[in-house]
Protein backbone atom coordinates (compact mmCIF):
# COMPACT_ATOMS: atom_id res chain seq x y z
CA MET A 1 92.58 214.10 65.30
CA ARG A 2 94.65 211.30 63.88
CA LYS A 3 93.77 209.00 66.76
CA ILE A 4 90.05 209.62 66.23
CA ILE A 5 90.31 208.70 62.52
CA LEU A 6 92.19 205.46 63.31
CA SER A 7 89.64 204.49 65.92
CA ILE A 8 86.75 205.03 63.48
CA LEU A 9 88.54 202.95 60.78
CA GLY A 10 89.19 200.10 63.28
CA LEU A 11 85.55 200.08 64.30
CA LEU A 12 84.44 199.95 60.65
CA VAL A 13 86.78 196.99 59.97
CA ILE A 14 85.37 195.08 62.95
CA VAL A 15 81.77 195.73 61.91
CA GLY A 16 82.55 194.75 58.32
CA ALA A 17 84.24 191.54 59.40
CA TYR A 18 81.25 190.63 61.58
CA PHE A 19 78.69 191.09 58.81
CA GLY A 20 80.98 189.35 56.25
CA ALA A 21 81.31 186.30 58.44
CA LYS A 22 77.60 186.25 59.09
CA GLY A 23 76.94 186.36 55.37
CA ILE A 24 79.32 183.49 54.67
CA VAL A 25 77.70 181.34 57.35
CA ALA A 26 74.23 182.13 56.05
CA SER A 27 75.22 181.23 52.51
CA LYS A 28 76.09 177.56 53.48
CA LYS A 29 73.33 174.92 53.05
CA SER A 30 73.26 171.84 55.24
CA PHE A 31 72.26 168.57 53.52
CA LYS A 32 70.95 165.85 55.87
CA PRO A 33 71.00 162.31 54.32
CA LYS A 34 67.65 160.63 54.27
CA ALA A 35 67.49 157.29 56.13
CA GLU A 36 66.78 154.49 53.67
CA LYS A 37 64.26 151.88 54.77
CA VAL A 38 65.89 148.40 54.52
CA VAL A 39 63.51 145.55 53.63
CA LYS A 40 65.02 142.14 54.33
CA THR A 41 64.54 139.21 51.97
CA VAL A 42 63.14 135.96 53.34
CA PHE A 43 62.97 132.43 51.97
CA THR A 44 59.48 131.02 52.03
CA GLU A 45 57.42 128.02 51.03
CA VAL A 46 53.73 127.42 50.59
CA VAL A 47 52.31 124.80 52.95
CA GLN A 48 50.75 121.66 51.51
CA ASN A 49 49.88 119.24 54.29
CA GLY A 50 50.44 115.55 53.68
CA THR A 51 51.60 112.31 55.27
CA VAL A 52 54.91 112.57 57.09
CA PRO A 53 56.66 109.33 58.13
CA ILE A 54 57.92 109.38 61.71
CA VAL A 55 61.46 108.01 61.61
CA VAL A 56 62.93 107.11 64.99
CA PRO A 57 66.74 107.31 65.09
CA ALA A 58 68.72 104.72 67.05
CA ASN A 59 72.27 103.46 67.19
CA GLY A 60 74.40 100.67 68.56
CA ASN A 61 77.20 98.22 67.93
CA LEU A 62 76.98 95.08 65.82
CA THR A 63 77.22 91.64 67.39
CA ALA A 64 77.28 88.29 65.64
CA LYS A 65 73.90 86.56 65.74
CA ARG A 66 75.55 83.15 66.15
CA ARG A 67 78.48 82.99 68.55
CA VAL A 68 80.03 80.25 70.67
CA GLU A 69 82.27 80.62 73.69
CA LEU A 70 84.70 77.71 73.65
CA TYR A 71 85.19 75.93 76.99
CA SER A 72 87.01 72.73 77.80
CA GLU A 73 85.06 69.96 79.55
CA VAL A 74 88.14 67.77 79.95
CA GLN A 75 91.75 68.16 81.00
CA GLY A 76 94.81 67.61 78.84
CA VAL A 77 97.52 69.17 76.70
CA PHE A 78 96.37 71.32 73.80
CA ARG A 79 97.72 69.74 70.60
CA SER A 80 98.34 71.59 67.33
CA GLY A 81 96.04 70.96 64.39
CA ASN A 82 95.91 71.73 60.70
CA LYS A 83 95.41 75.44 61.46
CA LEU A 84 96.89 77.70 64.09
CA PHE A 85 94.57 78.54 66.96
CA LYS A 86 94.80 82.30 66.40
CA THR A 87 92.27 85.12 66.08
CA GLY A 88 91.09 85.59 62.51
CA THR A 89 91.46 81.91 61.58
CA VAL A 90 88.51 80.71 59.50
CA TYR A 91 86.95 77.27 60.02
CA ARG A 92 84.34 75.37 58.07
CA SER A 93 81.41 73.65 59.77
CA GLY A 94 82.56 70.33 61.31
CA GLU A 95 86.26 71.20 61.08
CA ALA A 96 88.31 70.60 64.25
CA ILE A 97 89.12 73.83 66.07
CA ILE A 98 90.75 72.36 69.19
CA ARG A 99 92.38 68.98 69.83
CA ILE A 100 93.35 67.95 73.35
CA ASP A 101 95.68 65.00 73.89
CA ALA A 102 93.41 62.03 74.66
CA SER A 103 95.79 59.10 74.19
CA GLU A 104 95.56 57.96 77.83
CA TYR A 105 91.79 58.31 77.97
CA ALA A 106 91.37 56.63 74.58
CA ALA A 107 93.22 53.59 75.90
CA SER A 108 90.73 53.25 78.76
CA VAL A 109 87.88 53.46 76.26
CA GLN A 110 89.42 50.69 74.18
CA SER A 111 89.78 48.58 77.30
CA ALA A 112 86.08 48.98 78.12
CA LYS A 113 85.11 48.13 74.54
CA SER A 114 87.28 45.03 74.69
CA ASN A 115 85.53 43.90 77.88
CA LEU A 116 82.14 44.35 76.20
CA TYR A 117 83.31 42.37 73.21
CA ASN A 118 84.50 39.54 75.45
CA GLN A 119 81.16 39.50 77.29
CA LEU A 120 79.28 39.23 74.00
CA THR A 121 81.55 36.41 72.87
CA SER A 122 80.97 34.50 76.11
CA ILE A 123 77.16 34.44 75.74
CA MET A 124 77.09 33.22 72.13
CA PRO A 125 77.19 29.44 72.95
CA ASP A 126 74.28 29.79 75.38
CA LEU A 127 72.29 31.78 72.82
CA ARG A 128 72.85 29.08 70.19
CA LEU A 129 71.51 26.36 72.50
CA ASP A 130 68.79 28.13 74.51
CA TYR A 131 67.64 30.88 72.11
CA PRO A 132 68.29 29.72 68.57
CA ASP A 133 65.69 32.17 67.20
CA ILE A 134 67.59 35.28 68.37
CA PHE A 135 71.09 33.86 67.89
CA PRO A 136 71.48 35.11 64.25
CA LYS A 137 70.97 38.81 65.05
CA TRP A 138 73.43 38.76 67.94
CA GLN A 139 75.92 36.82 65.82
CA ALA A 140 75.58 39.52 63.14
CA TYR A 141 76.10 42.24 65.78
CA LEU A 142 79.23 40.54 67.08
CA THR A 143 80.58 40.14 63.55
CA GLY A 144 80.09 43.87 62.84
CA PHE A 145 81.66 44.95 66.13
CA ASP A 146 84.83 46.93 65.27
CA LEU A 147 87.05 48.01 68.15
CA ALA A 148 88.47 50.85 66.01
CA LYS A 149 85.06 52.41 65.46
CA SER A 150 82.25 53.70 67.64
CA THR A 151 80.30 51.00 69.42
CA PRO A 152 77.17 50.15 67.38
CA GLU A 153 73.75 50.19 68.99
CA LEU A 154 72.65 46.90 70.54
CA PRO A 155 70.10 44.80 68.63
CA GLU A 156 66.46 45.39 69.56
CA MET A 157 65.27 43.02 72.27
CA VAL A 158 61.65 42.01 71.65
CA SER A 159 60.93 39.41 74.35
CA GLU A 160 61.14 39.50 78.13
CA LYS A 161 63.29 36.36 78.17
CA GLU A 162 65.83 37.95 75.84
CA LYS A 163 65.97 41.14 77.95
CA PHE A 164 66.45 39.19 81.17
CA PHE A 165 69.15 37.01 79.64
CA ILE A 166 71.17 39.90 78.16
CA SER A 167 70.75 42.12 81.22
CA GLY A 168 71.62 39.25 83.59
CA ARG A 169 74.95 38.73 81.87
CA GLY A 170 75.89 42.44 82.41
CA ILE A 171 75.82 43.28 78.72
CA LEU A 172 73.61 46.39 79.12
CA THR A 173 75.74 47.79 81.94
CA SER A 174 78.94 47.33 79.95
CA TYR A 175 77.38 48.76 76.81
CA TYR A 176 76.19 52.01 78.44
CA ASN A 177 79.48 52.35 80.27
CA VAL A 178 81.31 52.19 76.93
CA LYS A 179 78.92 54.73 75.33
CA ASN A 180 79.48 57.08 78.27
CA LEU A 181 83.25 56.81 77.86
CA GLU A 182 82.98 57.39 74.11
CA GLN A 183 80.86 60.47 74.71
CA ARG A 184 83.49 61.77 77.10
CA LEU A 185 86.23 60.98 74.56
CA SER A 186 84.48 63.11 71.92
CA LYS A 187 84.93 66.16 74.16
CA TYR A 188 88.69 66.06 73.56
CA ARG A 189 87.94 67.40 70.09
CA ILE A 190 85.97 70.64 69.63
CA SER A 191 84.58 71.11 66.12
CA ALA A 192 83.17 74.21 64.45
CA PRO A 193 79.37 74.18 64.77
CA PHE A 194 79.07 76.45 61.72
CA ASN A 195 81.21 78.37 59.24
CA GLY A 196 82.94 81.17 61.08
CA VAL A 197 86.08 82.79 62.44
CA LEU A 198 87.92 82.90 65.76
CA THR A 199 87.60 86.30 67.43
CA GLU A 200 89.31 85.46 70.73
CA THR A 201 91.97 82.90 71.71
CA LEU A 202 93.15 82.40 75.29
CA VAL A 203 95.45 79.38 74.91
CA THR A 204 98.22 78.21 72.58
CA GLU A 205 99.50 74.82 71.43
CA GLY A 206 101.21 72.94 74.25
CA THR A 207 99.16 74.61 77.01
CA LEU A 208 97.79 72.38 79.75
CA VAL A 209 94.05 72.84 79.49
CA ARG A 210 91.91 72.33 82.58
CA SER A 211 88.28 71.35 82.80
CA GLY A 212 85.99 74.40 82.72
CA GLN A 213 88.68 76.68 81.27
CA LYS A 214 87.64 79.18 78.58
CA LEU A 215 89.63 78.68 75.40
CA GLY A 216 88.29 81.33 73.03
CA GLU A 217 85.33 82.64 71.08
CA PHE A 218 83.97 81.65 67.67
CA ILE A 219 81.41 83.62 65.62
CA ASN A 220 79.53 83.32 62.37
CA THR A 221 80.28 86.23 60.02
CA ASP A 222 77.23 85.88 57.78
CA VAL A 223 74.55 87.44 60.00
CA TYR A 224 74.85 90.27 62.53
CA GLU A 225 72.45 91.94 64.93
CA LEU A 226 72.19 95.54 66.03
CA GLU A 227 70.70 96.08 69.48
CA VAL A 228 68.95 99.45 69.78
CA ALA A 229 66.87 101.10 72.51
CA ILE A 230 63.53 102.57 71.40
CA GLY A 231 61.31 104.87 73.44
CA LYS A 232 58.23 103.09 74.74
CA THR A 233 56.04 105.65 72.91
CA TYR A 234 56.97 104.11 69.56
CA SER A 235 57.80 100.57 70.61
CA ASP A 236 54.27 99.30 70.04
CA LEU A 237 54.38 100.69 66.50
CA LEU A 238 57.38 98.57 65.48
CA LYS A 239 56.75 95.21 63.86
CA VAL A 240 58.98 92.20 63.38
CA GLY A 241 60.10 91.99 59.75
CA GLU A 242 60.03 95.74 59.04
CA LYS A 243 62.95 97.00 56.95
CA VAL A 244 65.41 99.38 58.58
CA GLU A 245 67.98 101.64 56.95
CA LEU A 246 71.40 101.54 58.59
CA THR A 247 74.31 103.91 58.02
CA SER A 248 77.95 103.80 59.10
CA LEU A 249 79.41 106.34 61.50
CA ASP A 250 81.08 108.31 58.69
CA ARG A 251 77.87 108.02 56.60
CA THR A 252 79.76 106.61 53.63
CA LYS A 253 77.97 103.24 53.56
CA THR A 254 74.31 102.28 53.83
CA TYR A 255 72.90 98.88 54.74
CA THR A 256 69.39 97.43 54.84
CA GLY A 257 68.31 95.36 57.82
CA LYS A 258 65.06 94.12 59.31
CA VAL A 259 63.59 93.97 62.79
CA ALA A 260 64.25 90.41 63.99
CA ARG A 261 63.08 90.57 67.63
CA ILE A 262 61.51 93.04 70.05
CA ASN A 263 61.93 92.66 73.78
CA GLY A 264 58.69 92.47 75.74
CA ARG A 265 60.04 94.26 78.82
CA VAL A 266 60.49 98.00 79.34
CA ASP A 267 63.76 99.10 80.92
CA GLN A 268 62.66 100.80 84.14
CA ALA A 269 65.65 103.15 84.25
CA THR A 270 65.45 104.49 80.69
CA GLN A 271 61.81 103.67 79.83
CA THR A 272 62.97 102.13 76.56
CA ILE A 273 62.49 98.78 74.85
CA LYS A 274 65.28 96.91 73.11
CA ALA A 275 64.83 95.92 69.49
CA PHE A 276 67.20 93.70 67.52
CA ILE A 277 67.87 94.46 63.85
CA GLU A 278 69.27 91.70 61.66
CA VAL A 279 71.63 92.71 58.86
CA ARG A 280 73.71 90.77 56.33
CA ASP A 281 76.70 92.16 54.45
CA LYS A 282 80.19 90.86 53.71
CA SER A 283 81.80 94.19 54.66
CA LEU A 284 80.36 94.20 58.19
CA ARG A 285 82.45 93.38 61.25
CA GLU A 286 81.47 92.71 64.83
CA GLY A 287 81.68 95.81 67.00
CA MET A 288 80.98 98.26 64.16
CA TYR A 289 78.93 101.31 65.18
CA LEU A 290 75.83 101.84 63.04
CA GLU A 291 72.96 104.30 63.10
CA ALA A 292 69.45 103.06 62.38
CA SER A 293 66.35 104.86 61.07
CA LEU A 294 63.21 103.05 62.20
CA ASP A 295 59.90 103.80 60.46
CA ALA A 296 57.68 103.99 63.54
CA LYS A 297 54.44 105.51 62.14
CA GLU A 298 52.97 107.99 59.66
CA GLU A 299 51.47 111.34 60.72
CA THR A 300 48.69 112.61 58.45
CA ASP A 301 47.84 116.28 57.73
CA ALA A 302 51.28 117.42 58.85
CA ILE A 303 54.46 119.03 57.55
CA GLU A 304 58.13 118.77 58.50
CA ILE A 305 60.21 121.92 59.02
CA ASP A 306 63.60 122.88 60.37
CA ARG A 307 63.60 122.87 64.16
CA SER A 308 65.18 126.36 64.28
CA LEU A 309 61.98 127.79 62.73
CA LEU A 310 59.88 126.76 65.74
CA LEU A 311 59.54 129.55 68.32
CA GLU A 312 58.54 128.96 71.93
CA ASN A 313 57.94 125.31 70.95
CA ASP A 314 54.53 126.06 69.43
CA ARG A 315 54.73 129.09 67.05
CA ILE A 316 56.19 129.82 63.61
CA PHE A 317 56.53 132.89 61.36
CA VAL A 318 54.24 133.30 58.34
CA VAL A 319 54.22 135.99 55.66
CA ARG A 320 50.98 137.92 55.12
CA ASP A 321 51.21 140.53 52.32
CA THR A 322 54.97 141.07 52.87
CA ILE A 323 54.45 141.40 56.65
CA LEU A 324 55.68 138.83 59.18
CA ASP A 325 53.19 137.32 61.57
CA LEU A 326 53.15 134.50 64.13
CA ILE A 327 50.70 131.58 64.23
CA ASP A 328 50.24 128.75 66.73
CA VAL A 329 51.07 125.20 65.64
CA GLU A 330 51.00 121.71 67.19
CA PRO A 331 54.39 119.94 67.22
CA VAL A 332 53.97 116.14 67.24
CA TYR A 333 57.51 114.82 66.88
CA PHE A 334 61.01 116.24 67.36
CA THR A 335 64.39 115.12 66.04
CA ASP A 336 67.74 116.80 66.55
CA LYS A 337 67.26 118.90 63.38
CA LYS A 338 63.62 118.59 62.27
CA VAL A 339 60.16 118.88 63.80
CA VAL A 340 56.82 117.57 62.53
CA ILE A 341 53.97 120.05 63.08
CA LYS A 342 50.21 120.17 62.48
CA GLN A 343 47.44 122.81 62.36
CA VAL A 344 49.05 124.86 59.58
CA PRO A 345 46.39 125.63 56.92
CA ASN A 346 47.11 124.63 53.32
CA GLY A 347 48.31 127.54 51.19
CA THR A 348 49.92 129.39 54.10
CA THR A 349 53.24 131.01 53.25
CA ILE A 350 55.77 130.22 55.95
CA MET A 351 59.46 131.03 56.32
CA SER A 352 61.64 128.16 55.19
CA LYS A 353 64.89 129.57 56.60
CA PRO A 354 65.50 131.47 59.86
CA LEU A 355 65.82 135.28 59.70
CA ILE A 356 67.96 137.07 62.28
CA GLY A 357 66.08 139.82 64.09
CA ALA A 358 62.66 138.83 62.78
CA TYR A 359 59.64 140.20 64.63
CA THR A 360 55.88 140.45 64.22
CA GLY A 361 54.91 143.25 61.82
CA MET A 362 58.32 143.34 60.13
CA ALA A 363 58.19 144.24 56.43
CA VAL A 364 59.97 141.65 54.28
CA LYS A 365 60.48 140.76 50.66
CA ILE A 366 59.98 137.22 49.45
CA PHE A 367 62.97 135.76 47.66
CA GLU A 368 62.14 134.77 44.11
CA GLU A 369 64.53 132.51 42.30
CA LYS A 370 65.20 133.76 38.81
CA THR A 371 65.05 131.24 36.02
CA THR A 372 66.80 131.72 32.72
CA ASN A 373 65.28 130.20 29.63
CA THR A 374 67.68 129.41 26.87
CA ASN A 375 66.32 128.70 23.44
CA GLY A 376 68.73 126.74 21.34
């Protein structure tokens, strides 16, 4: 009897536990969070077509517009002058840059001049007797003949008799021989053709210089040229005299130049034309790297946007009633960061900054910049 009672009580406990657990489970409520719809904010601008200047970028290194490579036409020992023949030395126009020892050659020139002087002296008695009308001018020439100076030009011979007489005595031959020697003597001294500075020196004082040997390089530091290569598409739009903005490599300095020359031949390998930009500035140095911005043309009824906004090279996103949409456009000019496009109607709202994950039909919110008015 006792076992039966315990069995019934155990069964009742099990049944009660089952229904109690079921009641507890049923009493719990499950709360599922509602998914919030995220609307991204976009930056936009309203299109207003206008005239967009097409600026063609170019770059290159500066070179001096006026430069002279110094070569020796004679042989001799390089003598020291008032200034050391070193790079960076500044010379004024007409100042001697190089002096080559010409003492031996100068002596031969003086000998030839002395022979000419003796020839002139020997014909004076005959001129006095046979040609008294021309004697005064030759006497004046002989009086002004200075062996220490350059040989003066012979008097003008007006008659055939005078020419035959002077030529027959060998005066003309001696005179032109002396002038040739004097011209050769002048090559022992190389003078600065303009104000400038030495940029290269290949010899030093005491060096034996040979004929045809390169001695150095001399440039003018007032005017420089920048050689740039322009695509043939825009080469015909450039004009000589147009102003060009130049910037340094670190973009800390800006210079203003002008197109000085444009080559008439297209480079077959690169299909470009070389243009030369003239620029003046005291801070410039030969070899400096500069970037140029050439105003090639102006595109009407166009806008300029960031290149990252252009999709598939001919489409951009627009916003229609907070919904993104794509429209076709006509790109007319590309740079590394910008693109000039056409066929965008005035008043169209376009994205001004890229949006990650954007797609057609996407709901967006236009960013509105808040302005605070302060009344004082």
